[in-house]
Amino acid sequence: MSEYRELENKYSKEYKRSTWDMAIGLQAVDELEPSEYLQKIYKL
């Protein structure tokens, strides 16, 4: 039987921010841009 279970958040906001920054930077190398949705929630 499967049930929904919320996972514990074990990463700080600073760590999450740095990984998003890195991912966005790697996309920029390939001349890609983040989606409109990501821009909205990430406030680029």
Foldseek 3Di string as FASTA:
>chain_A
DDDDDDDDDDDDPVVVVVVVVVVQVVCVVVVHHDDPVCCVVVVD
